């Protein structure tokens, strides 16, 4: 280029290396590791979301030791208890045979706006346990309300943790409503039996059997129930969403979802060139990834404690050995 528009400096770029937890390169490496496991183990079979319950007895026990103490006053306790529960859940998944033989596990821990942690878990099953029939899916994943008279514990757990809404026309101001539609696509349709569509996505059984739960004075039937495994739900007393996901179309979405990093939002309008007042020359604006990360990052107190305790944010088993072929820039 010629003329006064020629930059006197090409500018500098400050980057966050992959060794910095939470940086873009860190997320990319974890995504690539997860894809490496996928190449070895095949498509993931189950997508599980496990959310911390602020009313777990262990958390309430610690809070009760000091009158008036709230959950936000002890983020260290919440982080430790959730880690214990998460380890117990992983042990059950790998050895409890709830879903079959598990040969690989990948999970990512995230933190909600109010700080409570939740884990997104991908399970890879043995080849003998892949591609189950609709009848087998019904044995491990339910989307119906248990009978109160026959299974009171299961009924209470589903009522407390696995009911979506009310939303749609019943409550148009629900947080899941965008442009007068539920982003989670509730209420679902009644379905007499579980089926698997042409794309490999399951349509869970939701029978119109007259069983309902009442929330905020509204009767909600099976159309509002989030898929779950009843044994895990009763044991852990927390929101545990279980979805069957063995299909090629979902693979990259699932892996990118669990390694997408924290929510962030910022808006800056600035020129790419700036004029040096002393020389009158135009220089390129430096690109500083460190500054950008700090400006956009949202971190709750519980996440800070999680990092201080050096708990894993990304977990994978079996381990992946990275082969370095170039510098990490």
C-alpha atoms as a PDB file:
ATOM      1  CA  UNK A   1       0.000   0.000   0.000  1.00  0.00           C
ATOM      2  CA  UNK A   2       1.104   3.598  -0.620  1.00  0.00           C
ATOM      3  CA  UNK A   3       0.233   6.971   0.809  1.00  0.00           C
ATOM      4  CA  UNK A   4      -0.493   8.151   4.309  1.00  0.00           C
ATOM      5  CA  UNK A   5      -2.625   5.078   5.098  1.00  0.00           C
ATOM      6  CA  UNK A   6       0.444   2.816   5.366  1.00  0.00           C
ATOM      7  CA  UNK A   7       0.684   1.629   8.983  1.00  0.00           C
ATOM      8  CA  UNK A   8       3.983   2.361  10.684  1.00  0.00           C
ATOM      9  CA  UNK A   9       3.494  -0.712  12.885  1.00  0.00           C
ATOM     10  CA  UNK A  10       1.809  -4.039  12.211  1.00  0.00           C
ATOM     11  CA  UNK A  11       0.522  -4.113  15.781  1.00  0.00           C
ATOM     12  CA  UNK A  12       1.035  -6.719  18.486  1.00  0.00           C
ATOM     13  CA  UNK A  13      -1.016  -9.729  19.519  1.00  0.00           C
ATOM     14  CA  UNK A  14      -1.203 -10.899  23.124  1.00  0.00           C
ATOM     15  CA  UNK A  15      -2.617 -14.417  23.433  1.00  0.00           C
ATOM     16  CA  UNK A  16      -3.809 -16.675  26.231  1.00  0.00           C
ATOM     17  CA  UNK A  17      -2.054 -20.079  25.970  1.00  0.00           C
ATOM     18  CA  UNK A  18      -3.907 -23.360  26.345  1.00  0.00           C
ATOM     19  CA  UNK A  19      -2.297 -23.791  29.783  1.00  0.00           C
ATOM     20  CA  UNK A  20      -4.578 -20.998  31.048  1.00  0.00           C
ATOM     21  CA  UNK A  21      -7.811 -22.672  32.204  1.00  0.00           C
ATOM     22  CA  UNK A  22     -10.833 -21.251  30.430  1.00  0.00           C
ATOM     23  CA  UNK A  23      -8.981 -19.620  27.543  1.00  0.00           C
ATOM     24  CA  UNK A  24     -10.162 -20.199  23.942  1.00  0.00           C
ATOM     25  CA  UNK A  25      -7.154 -22.425  23.224  1.00  0.00           C
ATOM     26  CA  UNK A  26      -7.837 -24.413  26.380  1.00  0.00           C
ATOM     27  CA  UNK A  27     -11.404 -25.032  25.194  1.00  0.00           C
ATOM     28  CA  UNK A  28     -10.245 -26.005  21.707  1.00  0.00           C
ATOM     29  CA  UNK A  29      -7.781 -28.548  23.090  1.00  0.00           C
ATOM     30  CA  UNK A  30     -10.454 -30.110  25.293  1.00  0.00           C
ATOM     31  CA  UNK A  31     -12.812 -30.257  22.320  1.00  0.00           C
ATOM     32  CA  UNK A  32     -10.144 -32.022  20.272  1.00  0.00           C
ATOM     33  CA  UNK A  33      -9.462 -34.460  23.123  1.00  0.00           C
ATOM     34  CA  UNK A  34     -13.179 -35.265  23.329  1.00  0.00           C
ATOM     35  CA  UNK A  35     -13.283 -35.870  19.589  1.00  0.00           C
ATOM     36  CA  UNK A  36     -10.280 -38.178  19.921  1.00  0.00           C
ATOM     37  CA  UNK A  37     -12.229 -40.258  22.449  1.00  0.00           C
ATOM     38  CA  UNK A  38     -15.153 -40.246  20.040  1.00  0.00           C
ATOM     39  CA  UNK A  39     -12.971 -41.648  17.256  1.00  0.00           C
ATOM     40  CA  UNK A  40     -11.949 -44.476  19.566  1.00  0.00           C
ATOM     41  CA  UNK A  41     -15.235 -45.205  21.375  1.00  0.00           C
ATOM     42  CA  UNK A  42     -17.798 -44.218  18.724  1.00  0.00           C
ATOM     43  CA  UNK A  43     -20.662 -41.794  19.166  1.00  0.00           C
ATOM     44  CA  UNK A  44     -21.648 -40.853  22.739  1.00  0.00           C
ATOM     45  CA  UNK A  45     -24.803 -42.606  23.862  1.00  0.00           C
ATOM     46  CA  UNK A  46     -26.108 -40.556  26.777  1.00  0.00           C
ATOM     47  CA  UNK A  47     -26.074 -36.839  27.573  1.00  0.00           C
ATOM     48  CA  UNK A  48     -26.626 -36.201  31.290  1.00  0.00           C
ATOM     49  CA  UNK A  49     -27.022 -32.850  33.022  1.00  0.00           C
ATOM     50  CA  UNK A  50     -26.479 -32.969  36.793  1.00  0.00           C
ATOM     51  CA  UNK A  51     -27.389 -29.804  38.738  1.00  0.00           C
ATOM     52  CA  UNK A  52     -26.432 -28.932  42.305  1.00  0.00           C
ATOM     53  CA  UNK A  53     -29.259 -28.941  44.848  1.00  0.00           C
ATOM     54  CA  UNK A  54     -28.861 -26.065  47.306  1.00  0.00           C
ATOM     55  CA  UNK A  55     -31.020 -27.962  49.812  1.00  0.00           C
ATOM     56  CA  UNK A  56     -28.890 -31.097  50.078  1.00  0.00           C
ATOM     57  CA  UNK A  57     -28.723 -32.122  53.780  1.00  0.00           C
ATOM     58  CA  UNK A  58     -24.918 -31.721  53.931  1.00  0.00           C
ATOM     59  CA  UNK A  59     -25.122 -28.127  52.713  1.00  0.00           C
ATOM     60  CA  UNK A  60     -27.969 -27.282  55.091  1.00  0.00           C
ATOM     61  CA  UNK A  61     -26.045 -28.874  57.977  1.00  0.00           C
ATOM     62  CA  UNK A  62     -23.087 -26.547  57.485  1.00  0.00           C
ATOM     63  CA  UNK A  63     -25.328 -23.506  57.069  1.00  0.00           C
ATOM     64  CA  UNK A  64     -27.285 -24.332  60.227  1.00  0.00           C
ATOM     65  CA  UNK A  65     -24.154 -24.060  62.370  1.00  0.00           C
ATOM     66  CA  UNK A  66     -24.391 -20.283  62.164  1.00  0.00           C
ATOM     67  CA  UNK A  67     -27.917 -18.809  62.458  1.00  0.00           C
ATOM     68  CA  UNK A  68     -28.972 -16.692  59.514  1.00  0.00           C
ATOM     69  CA  UNK A  69     -26.250 -18.021  57.238  1.00  0.00           C
ATOM     70  CA  UNK A  70     -27.251 -18.350  53.548  1.00  0.00           C
ATOM     71  CA  UNK A  71     -25.906 -20.454  50.732  1.00  0.00           C
ATOM     72  CA  UNK A  72     -24.131 -17.496  49.154  1.00  0.00           C
ATOM     73  CA  UNK A  73     -22.189 -17.071  52.415  1.00  0.00           C
ATOM     74  CA  UNK A  74     -20.471 -20.473  52.032  1.00  0.00           C
ATOM     75  CA  UNK A  75     -19.478 -21.020  48.396  1.00  0.00           C
ATOM     76  CA  UNK A  76     -16.671 -23.291  49.603  1.00  0.00           C
ATOM     77  CA  UNK A  77     -19.186 -25.708  51.122  1.00  0.00           C
ATOM     78  CA  UNK A  78     -21.297 -25.777  47.959  1.00  0.00           C
ATOM     79  CA  UNK A  79     -18.241 -26.486  45.806  1.00  0.00           C
ATOM     80  CA  UNK A  80     -17.023 -29.317  48.042  1.00  0.00           C
ATOM     81  CA  UNK A  81     -20.425 -30.992  48.400  1.00  0.00           C
ATOM     82  CA  UNK A  82     -21.135 -30.847  44.677  1.00  0.00           C
ATOM     83  CA  UNK A  83     -17.711 -32.377  43.943  1.00  0.00           C
ATOM     84  CA  UNK A  84     -18.483 -35.228  46.343  1.00  0.00           C
ATOM     85  CA  UNK A  85     -21.877 -35.811  44.726  1.00  0.00           C
ATOM     86  CA  UNK A  86     -20.410 -35.616  41.224  1.00  0.00           C
ATOM     87  CA  UNK A  87     -17.761 -38.202  42.068  1.00  0.00           C
ATOM     88  CA  UNK A  88     -20.457 -40.466  43.512  1.00  0.00           C
ATOM     89  CA  UNK A  89     -22.541 -40.064  40.367  1.00  0.00           C
ATOM     90  CA  UNK A  90     -19.597 -40.915  38.113  1.00  0.00           C
ATOM     91  CA  UNK A  91     -18.849 -43.994  40.201  1.00  0.00           C
ATOM     92  CA  UNK A  92     -22.466 -45.122  39.854  1.00  0.00           C
ATOM     93  CA  UNK A  93     -22.454 -44.477  36.116  1.00  0.00           C
ATOM     94  CA  UNK A  94     -19.259 -46.431  35.550  1.00  0.00           C
ATOM     95  CA  UNK A  95     -19.927 -49.307  37.936  1.00  0.00           C
ATOM     96  CA  UNK A  96     -23.646 -49.295  38.757  1.00  0.00           C
ATOM     97  CA  UNK A  97     -24.834 -50.671  35.424  1.00  0.00           C
ATOM     98  CA  UNK A  98     -27.722 -48.200  35.202  1.00  0.00           C
ATOM     99  CA  UNK A  99     -27.253 -47.894  31.454  1.00  0.00           C
ATOM    100  CA  UNK A 100     -24.904 -50.736  30.584  1.00  0.00           C
ATOM    101  CA  UNK A 101     -21.129 -51.005  30.388  1.00  0.00           C
ATOM    102  CA  UNK A 102     -19.487 -47.578  30.235  1.00  0.00           C
ATOM    103  CA  UNK A 103     -16.159 -47.452  28.363  1.00  0.00           C
ATOM    104  CA  UNK A 104     -15.573 -43.672  28.314  1.00  0.00           C
ATOM    105  CA  UNK A 105     -16.759 -40.552  30.131  1.00  0.00           C
ATOM    106  CA  UNK A 106     -16.371 -36.852  29.342  1.00  0.00           C
ATOM    107  CA  UNK A 107     -17.775 -34.061  31.483  1.00  0.00           C
ATOM    108  CA  UNK A 108     -17.562 -30.295  31.895  1.00  0.00           C
ATOM    109  CA  UNK A 109     -18.565 -28.308  34.992  1.00  0.00           C
ATOM    110  CA  UNK A 110     -20.331 -24.982  34.473  1.00  0.00           C
ATOM    111  CA  UNK A 111     -21.772 -22.394  36.844  1.00  0.00           C
ATOM    112  CA  UNK A 112     -25.174 -20.761  36.610  1.00  0.00           C
ATOM    113  CA  UNK A 113     -25.641 -17.021  36.939  1.00  0.00           C
ATOM    114  CA  UNK A 114     -26.575 -17.406  40.592  1.00  0.00           C
ATOM    115  CA  UNK A 115     -23.461 -19.520  41.038  1.00  0.00           C
ATOM    116  CA  UNK A 116     -24.751 -23.084  41.489  1.00  0.00           C
ATOM    117  CA  UNK A 117     -22.628 -25.596  39.568  1.00  0.00           C
ATOM    118  CA  UNK A 118     -23.899 -28.196  37.125  1.00  0.00           C
ATOM    119  CA  UNK A 119     -22.119 -30.835  35.061  1.00  0.00           C
ATOM    120  CA  UNK A 120     -22.709 -31.855  31.451  1.00  0.00           C
ATOM    121  CA  UNK A 121     -21.734 -35.523  31.109  1.00  0.00           C
ATOM    122  CA  UNK A 122     -21.305 -37.650  27.987  1.00  0.00           C
ATOM    123  CA  UNK A 123     -21.314 -41.435  28.367  1.00  0.00           C
ATOM    124  CA  UNK A 124     -19.913 -43.854  25.794  1.00  0.00           C
ATOM    125  CA  UNK A 125     -21.314 -47.367  26.146  1.00  0.00           C
ATOM    126  CA  UNK A 126     -19.884 -50.709  25.082  1.00  0.00           C
ATOM    127  CA  UNK A 127     -20.835 -51.794  21.571  1.00  0.00           C
ATOM    128  CA  UNK A 128     -23.169 -54.459  22.994  1.00  0.00           C
ATOM    129  CA  UNK A 129     -25.217 -51.777  24.748  1.00  0.00           C
ATOM    130  CA  UNK A 130     -25.467 -49.331  21.844  1.00  0.00           C
ATOM    131  CA  UNK A 131     -28.528 -49.024  19.596  1.00  0.00           C
ATOM    132  CA  UNK A 132     -31.120 -50.174  22.133  1.00  0.00           C
ATOM    133  CA  UNK A 133     -34.699 -50.908  21.219  1.00  0.00           C
ATOM    134  CA  UNK A 134     -37.500 -48.614  22.332  1.00  0.00           C
ATOM    135  CA  UNK A 135     -38.339 -51.101  25.088  1.00  0.00           C
ATOM    136  CA  UNK A 136     -34.780 -50.907  26.450  1.00  0.00           C
ATOM    137  CA  UNK A 137     -34.845 -47.107  26.403  1.00  0.00           C
ATOM    138  CA  UNK A 138     -38.000 -47.207  28.539  1.00  0.00           C
ATOM    139  CA  UNK A 139     -36.091 -49.198  31.174  1.00  0.00           C
ATOM    140  CA  UNK A 140     -33.368 -46.569  31.584  1.00  0.00           C
ATOM    141  CA  UNK A 141     -35.065 -43.261  30.657  1.00  0.00           C
ATOM    142  CA  UNK A 142     -38.516 -42.130  31.744  1.00  0.00           C
ATOM    143  CA  UNK A 143     -40.500 -39.005  30.938  1.00  0.00           C
ATOM    144  CA  UNK A 144     -43.600 -39.748  32.990  1.00  0.00           C
ATOM    145  CA  UNK A 145     -44.892 -39.078  36.504  1.00  0.00           C
ATOM    146  CA  UNK A 146     -44.749 -42.156  38.763  1.00  0.00           C
ATOM    147  CA  UNK A 147     -47.886 -43.407  40.501  1.00  0.00           C
ATOM    148  CA  UNK A 148     -48.065 -41.753  43.921  1.00  0.00           C
ATOM    149  CA  UNK A 149     -49.662 -44.820  45.533  1.00  0.00           C
ATOM    150  CA  UNK A 150     -47.086 -47.278  44.169  1.00  0.00           C
ATOM    151  CA  UNK A 151     -43.907 -45.167  44.161  1.00  0.00           C
ATOM    152  CA  UNK A 152     -44.263 -42.247  46.588  1.00  0.00           C
ATOM    153  CA  UNK A 153     -40.521 -41.512  46.760  1.00  0.00           C
ATOM    154  CA  UNK A 154     -40.198 -41.459  42.982  1.00  0.00           C
ATOM    155  CA  UNK A 155     -43.313 -39.305  42.659  1.00  0.00           C
ATOM    156  CA  UNK A 156     -41.966 -36.713  45.103  1.00  0.00           C
ATOM    157  CA  UNK A 157     -38.556 -36.637  43.379  1.00  0.00           C
ATOM    158  CA  UNK A 158     -40.050 -36.111  39.922  1.00  0.00           C
ATOM    159  CA  UNK A 159     -42.435 -33.462  41.248  1.00  0.00           C
ATOM    160  CA  UNK A 160     -39.638 -31.547  42.936  1.00  0.00           C
ATOM    161  CA  UNK A 161     -36.828 -31.784  40.372  1.00  0.00           C
ATOM    162  CA  UNK A 162     -38.008 -32.892  36.925  1.00  0.00           C
ATOM    163  CA  UNK A 163     -41.058 -30.771  36.071  1.00  0.00           C
ATOM    164  CA  UNK A 164     -40.658 -28.018  33.488  1.00  0.00           C
ATOM    165  CA  UNK A 165     -42.773 -24.914  33.747  1.00  0.00           C
ATOM    166  CA  UNK A 166     -45.501 -24.049  33.773  1.00  0.00           C
ATOM    167  CA  UNK A 167     -44.946 -22.027  30.621  1.00  0.00           C
ATOM    168  CA  UNK A 168     -46.563 -21.325  27.223  1.00  0.00           C
ATOM    169  CA  UNK A 169     -50.150 -20.049  27.554  1.00  0.00           C
ATOM    170  CA  UNK A 170     -50.246 -20.929  31.268  1.00  0.00           C
ATOM    171  CA  UNK A 171     -47.327 -18.614  32.083  1.00  0.00           C
ATOM    172  CA  UNK A 172     -46.170 -16.444  29.200  1.00  0.00           C
ATOM    173  CA  UNK A 173     -43.604 -14.709  31.441  1.00  0.00           C
ATOM    174  CA  UNK A 174     -41.603 -17.852  32.197  1.00  0.00           C
ATOM    175  CA  UNK A 175     -37.842 -17.558  31.700  1.00  0.00           C
ATOM    176  CA  UNK A 176     -37.924 -20.177  28.945  1.00  0.00           C
ATOM    177  CA  UNK A 177     -40.311 -18.114  26.813  1.00  0.00           C
ATOM    178  CA  UNK A 178     -38.900 -16.267  23.794  1.00  0.00           C
ATOM    179  CA  UNK A 179     -41.270 -14.746  21.229  1.00  0.00           C
ATOM    180  CA  UNK A 180     -44.198 -16.486  22.936  1.00  0.00           C
ATOM    181  CA  UNK A 181     -42.627 -19.937  22.509  1.00  0.00           C
ATOM    182  CA  UNK A 182     -40.857 -22.222  24.949  1.00  0.00           C
ATOM    183  CA  UNK A 183     -37.230 -22.638  23.869  1.00  0.00           C
ATOM    184  CA  UNK A 184     -37.267 -26.120  25.429  1.00  0.00           C
ATOM    185  CA  UNK A 185     -40.285 -27.083  23.283  1.00  0.00           C
ATOM    186  CA  UNK A 186     -42.595 -27.798  26.215  1.00  0.00           C
ATOM    187  CA  UNK A 187     -45.265 -28.991  26.551  1.00  0.00           C
ATOM    188  CA  UNK A 188     -44.384 -32.125  24.587  1.00  0.00           C
ATOM    189  CA  UNK A 189     -46.960 -34.244  22.803  1.00  0.00           C
ATOM    190  CA  UNK A 190     -48.563 -37.282  24.381  1.00  0.00           C
ATOM    191  CA  UNK A 191     -46.990 -40.478  23.065  1.00  0.00           C
ATOM    192  CA  UNK A 192     -48.226 -43.997  23.800  1.00  0.00           C
ATOM    193  CA  UNK A 193     -44.817 -45.630  23.306  1.00  0.00           C
ATOM    194  CA  UNK A 194     -41.190 -44.630  22.832  1.00  0.00           C
ATOM    195  CA  UNK A 195     -40.009 -44.393  19.234  1.00  0.00           C
ATOM    196  CA  UNK A 196     -36.807 -43.381  17.445  1.00  0.00           C
ATOM    197  CA  UNK A 197     -37.177 -41.094  14.444  1.00  0.00           C
ATOM    198  CA  UNK A 198     -35.266 -41.299  11.155  1.00  0.00           C
ATOM    199  CA  UNK A 199     -32.525 -38.996  12.454  1.00  0.00           C
ATOM    200  CA  UNK A 200     -31.884 -41.188  15.502  1.00  0.00           C
ATOM    201  CA  UNK A 201     -33.569 -38.937  18.048  1.00  0.00           C
ATOM    202  CA  UNK A 202     -35.825 -40.670  20.593  1.00  0.00           C
ATOM    203  CA  UNK A 203     -39.397 -39.581  21.216  1.00  0.00           C
ATOM    204  CA  UNK A 204     -40.013 -40.668  24.796  1.00  0.00           C
ATOM    205  CA  UNK A 205     -43.209 -42.281  26.035  1.00  0.00           C
ATOM    206  CA  UNK A 206     -45.591 -39.767  27.594  1.00  0.00           C
ATOM    207  CA  UNK A 207     -48.972 -41.385  28.095  1.00  0.00           C
ATOM    208  CA  UNK A 208     -52.172 -39.518  28.806  1.00  0.00           C
ATOM    209  CA  UNK A 209     -52.889 -41.558  31.943  1.00  0.00           C
ATOM    210  CA  UNK A 210     -54.478 -38.876  34.123  1.00  0.00           C
ATOM    211  CA  UNK A 211     -51.521 -38.631  36.531  1.00  0.00           C
ATOM    212  CA  UNK A 212     -50.377 -35.096  37.268  1.00  0.00           C
ATOM    213  CA  UNK A 213     -48.432 -32.915  39.678  1.00  0.00           C
ATOM    214  CA  UNK A 214     -49.502 -29.512  40.903  1.00  0.00           C
ATOM    215  CA  UNK A 215     -47.166 -26.515  40.746  1.00  0.00           C
ATOM    216  CA  UNK A 216     -48.154 -22.944  41.557  1.00  0.00           C
ATOM    217  CA  UNK A 217     -51.793 -24.020  41.508  1.00  0.00           C
ATOM    218  CA  UNK A 218     -51.475 -25.495  37.990  1.00  0.00           C
ATOM    219  CA  UNK A 219     -51.923 -29.175  37.175  1.00  0.00           C
ATOM    220  CA  UNK A 220     -49.078 -30.440  34.967  1.00  0.00           C
ATOM    221  CA  UNK A 221     -49.174 -33.831  33.261  1.00  0.00           C
ATOM    222  CA  UNK A 222     -46.558 -35.983  31.501  1.00  0.00           C
ATOM    223  CA  UNK A 223     -46.109 -33.416  28.726  1.00  0.00           C
ATOM    224  CA  UNK A 224     -44.094 -31.263  31.155  1.00  0.00           C
ATOM    225  CA  UNK A 225     -41.764 -33.964  32.516  1.00  0.00           C
ATOM    226  CA  UNK A 226     -38.020 -33.779  31.762  1.00  0.00           C
ATOM    227  CA  UNK A 227     -36.467 -37.182  30.808  1.00  0.00           C
ATOM    228  CA  UNK A 228     -34.669 -38.843  33.710  1.00  0.00           C
ATOM    229  CA  UNK A 229     -33.461 -42.093  35.252  1.00  0.00           C
ATOM    230  CA  UNK A 230     -35.615 -42.785  38.278  1.00  0.00           C
ATOM    231  CA  UNK A 231     -32.937 -44.649  40.296  1.00  0.00           C
ATOM    232  CA  UNK A 232     -30.393 -41.841  39.991  1.00  0.00           C
ATOM    233  CA  UNK A 233     -33.051 -39.219  40.647  1.00  0.00           C
ATOM    234  CA  UNK A 234     -34.230 -40.789  43.912  1.00  0.00           C
ATOM    235  CA  UNK A 235     -30.687 -41.419  45.136  1.00  0.00           C
ATOM    236  CA  UNK A 236     -29.192 -37.975  44.429  1.00  0.00           C
ATOM    237  CA  UNK A 237     -32.295 -35.825  44.981  1.00  0.00           C
ATOM    238  CA  UNK A 238     -31.331 -33.278  42.326  1.00  0.00           C
ATOM    239  CA  UNK A 239     -32.152 -32.353  38.751  1.00  0.00           C
ATOM    240  CA  UNK A 240     -30.596 -35.085  36.560  1.00  0.00           C
ATOM    241  CA  UNK A 241     -31.691 -34.823  32.941  1.00  0.00           C
ATOM    242  CA  UNK A 242     -30.868 -37.950  30.902  1.00  0.00           C
ATOM    243  CA  UNK A 243     -31.095 -37.911  27.104  1.00  0.00           C
ATOM    244  CA  UNK A 244     -30.327 -40.624  24.564  1.00  0.00           C
ATOM    245  CA  UNK A 245     -28.102 -39.071  21.885  1.00  0.00           C
ATOM    246  CA  UNK A 246     -26.547 -41.819  19.749  1.00  0.00           C
ATOM    247  CA  UNK A 247     -26.709 -40.243  16.294  1.00  0.00           C
ATOM    248  CA  UNK A 248     -24.174 -38.652  13.982  1.00  0.00           C
ATOM    249  CA  UNK A 249     -26.007 -35.327  13.654  1.00  0.00           C
ATOM    250  CA  UNK A 250     -25.653 -34.504  17.358  1.00  0.00           C
ATOM    251  CA  UNK A 251     -22.008 -35.386  17.909  1.00  0.00           C
ATOM    252  CA  UNK A 252     -20.284 -32.070  17.162  1.00  0.00           C
ATOM    253  CA  UNK A 253     -23.059 -30.070  18.826  1.00  0.00           C
ATOM    254  CA  UNK A 254     -22.693 -32.073  22.031  1.00  0.00           C
ATOM    255  CA  UNK A 255     -18.920 -31.742  22.194  1.00  0.00           C
ATOM    256  CA  UNK A 256     -18.978 -28.041  21.384  1.00  0.00           C
ATOM    257  CA  UNK A 257     -21.748 -27.536  23.961  1.00  0.00           C
ATOM    258  CA  UNK A 258     -19.728 -29.006  26.815  1.00  0.00           C
ATOM    259  CA  UNK A 259     -16.586 -27.039  25.852  1.00  0.00           C
ATOM    260  CA  UNK A 260     -18.171 -23.720  24.886  1.00  0.00           C
ATOM    261  CA  UNK A 261     -16.855 -21.883  27.920  1.00  0.00           C
ATOM    262  CA  UNK A 262     -18.589 -19.324  30.146  1.00  0.00           C
ATOM    263  CA  UNK A 263     -21.263 -16.860  29.069  1.00  0.00           C
ATOM    264  CA  UNK A 264     -20.016 -13.413  28.203  1.00  0.00           C
ATOM    265  CA  UNK A 265     -21.238 -10.257  26.518  1.00  0.00           C
ATOM    266  CA  UNK A 266     -19.495  -7.052  25.593  1.00  0.00           C
ATOM    267  CA  UNK A 267     -19.756  -4.338  22.957  1.00  0.00           C
ATOM    268  CA  UNK A 268     -16.901  -2.015  22.008  1.00  0.00           C
ATOM    269  CA  UNK A 269     -16.676   0.280  18.984  1.00  0.00           C
ATOM    270  CA  UNK A 270     -13.111   1.279  18.173  1.00  0.00           C
ATOM    271  CA  UNK A 271     -10.976   2.042  15.152  1.00  0.00           C
ATOM    272  CA  UNK A 272      -8.376  -0.471  14.005  1.00  0.00           C
ATOM    273  CA  UNK A 273      -5.910   2.376  13.353  1.00  0.00           C
ATOM    274  CA  UNK A 274      -4.835   5.185  15.638  1.00  0.00           C
ATOM    275  CA  UNK A 275      -2.725   8.265  14.897  1.00  0.00           C
ATOM    276  CA  UNK A 276       0.436   8.943  16.896  1.00  0.00           C
ATOM    277  CA  UNK A 277       0.101  12.564  18.071  1.00  0.00           C
ATOM    278  CA  UNK A 278       3.876  13.141  18.108  1.00  0.00           C
ATOM    279  CA  UNK A 279       4.723  11.776  14.650  1.00  0.00           C
ATOM    280  CA  UNK A 280       1.384  11.916  12.863  1.00  0.00           C
ATOM    281  CA  UNK A 281       1.881   8.305  11.710  1.00  0.00           C
ATOM    282  CA  UNK A 282      -0.880   5.727  11.726  1.00  0.00           C
ATOM    283  CA  UNK A 283      -0.376   2.560  13.805  1.00  0.00           C
ATOM    284  CA  UNK A 284      -2.330  -0.662  14.076  1.00  0.00           C
ATOM    285  CA  UNK A 285      -4.279  -1.266  17.295  1.00  0.00           C
ATOM    286  CA  UNK A 286      -2.831  -4.103  19.368  1.00  0.00           C
ATOM    287  CA  UNK A 287      -4.943  -7.239  19.807  1.00  0.00           C
ATOM    288  CA  UNK A 288      -4.839  -8.196  23.484  1.00  0.00           C
ATOM    289  CA  UNK A 289      -6.589 -11.503  24.234  1.00  0.00           C
ATOM    290  CA  UNK A 290      -5.715 -11.225  27.932  1.00  0.00           C
ATOM    291  CA  UNK A 291      -7.523  -7.887  28.258  1.00  0.00           C
ATOM    292  CA  UNK A 292     -10.456  -9.217  26.230  1.00  0.00           C
ATOM    293  CA  UNK A 293     -10.739 -12.274  28.488  1.00  0.00           C
ATOM    294  CA  UNK A 294     -10.733 -10.181  31.660  1.00  0.00           C
ATOM    295  CA  UNK A 295     -13.258  -7.703  30.286  1.00  0.00           C
ATOM    296  CA  UNK A 296     -15.726 -10.414  29.276  1.00  0.00           C
ATOM    297  CA  UNK A 297     -15.287 -12.988  32.033  1.00  0.00           C
ATOM    298  CA  UNK A 298     -18.044 -13.643  34.567  1.00  0.00           C
ATOM    299  CA  UNK A 299     -17.030 -15.700  37.604  1.00  0.00           C
ATOM    300  CA  UNK A 300     -19.153 -16.488  40.645  1.00  0.00           C
ATOM    301  CA  UNK A 301     -17.829 -17.083  44.160  1.00  0.00           C
ATOM    302  CA  UNK A 302     -18.541 -20.821  43.909  1.00  0.00           C
ATOM    303  CA  UNK A 303     -16.573 -21.089  40.666  1.00  0.00           C
ATOM    304  CA  UNK A 304     -13.707 -19.191  42.304  1.00  0.00           C
ATOM    305  CA  UNK A 305     -13.695 -21.722  45.160  1.00  0.00           C
ATOM    306  CA  UNK A 306     -13.848 -24.579  42.664  1.00  0.00           C
ATOM    307  CA  UNK A 307     -10.733 -23.213  40.976  1.00  0.00           C
ATOM    308  CA  UNK A 308      -8.947 -22.596  44.301  1.00  0.00           C
ATOM    309  CA  UNK A 309      -9.592 -26.207  45.347  1.00  0.00           C
ATOM    310  CA  UNK A 310      -8.178 -27.289  41.946  1.00  0.00           C
ATOM    311  CA  UNK A 311     -11.208 -29.418  41.125  1.00  0.00           C
ATOM    312  CA  UNK A 312     -11.445 -30.552  37.525  1.00  0.00           C
ATOM    313  CA  UNK A 313     -13.513 -28.409  35.181  1.00  0.00           C
ATOM    314  CA  UNK A 314     -13.003 -30.796  32.263  1.00  0.00           C
ATOM    315  CA  UNK A 315     -12.798 -34.531  32.897  1.00  0.00           C
ATOM    316  CA  UNK A 316     -12.232 -37.358  30.458  1.00  0.00           C
ATOM    317  CA  UNK A 317     -11.609 -41.065  30.765  1.00  0.00           C
ATOM    318  CA  UNK A 318      -9.678 -42.727  29.205  1.00  0.00           C
ATOM    319  CA  UNK A 319      -6.821 -40.231  29.080  1.00  0.00           C
ATOM    320  CA  UNK A 320      -5.779 -38.640  25.796  1.00  0.00           C
ATOM    321  CA  UNK A 321      -2.106 -38.179  24.901  1.00  0.00           C
ATOM    322  CA  UNK A 322      -1.528 -35.014  22.901  1.00  0.00           C
ATOM    323  CA  UNK A 323       1.205 -35.103  20.269  1.00  0.00           C
ATOM    324  CA  UNK A 324       2.863 -31.708  19.925  1.00  0.00           C
ATOM    325  CA  UNK A 325       3.587 -30.896  16.290  1.00  0.00           C
ATOM    326  CA  UNK A 326       3.846 -27.121  16.537  1.00  0.00           C
ATOM    327  CA  UNK A 327       4.057 -24.234  18.981  1.00  0.00           C
ATOM    328  CA  UNK A 328       0.857 -23.398  20.831  1.00  0.00           C
ATOM    329  CA  UNK A 329       0.069 -20.053  19.191  1.00  0.00           C
END
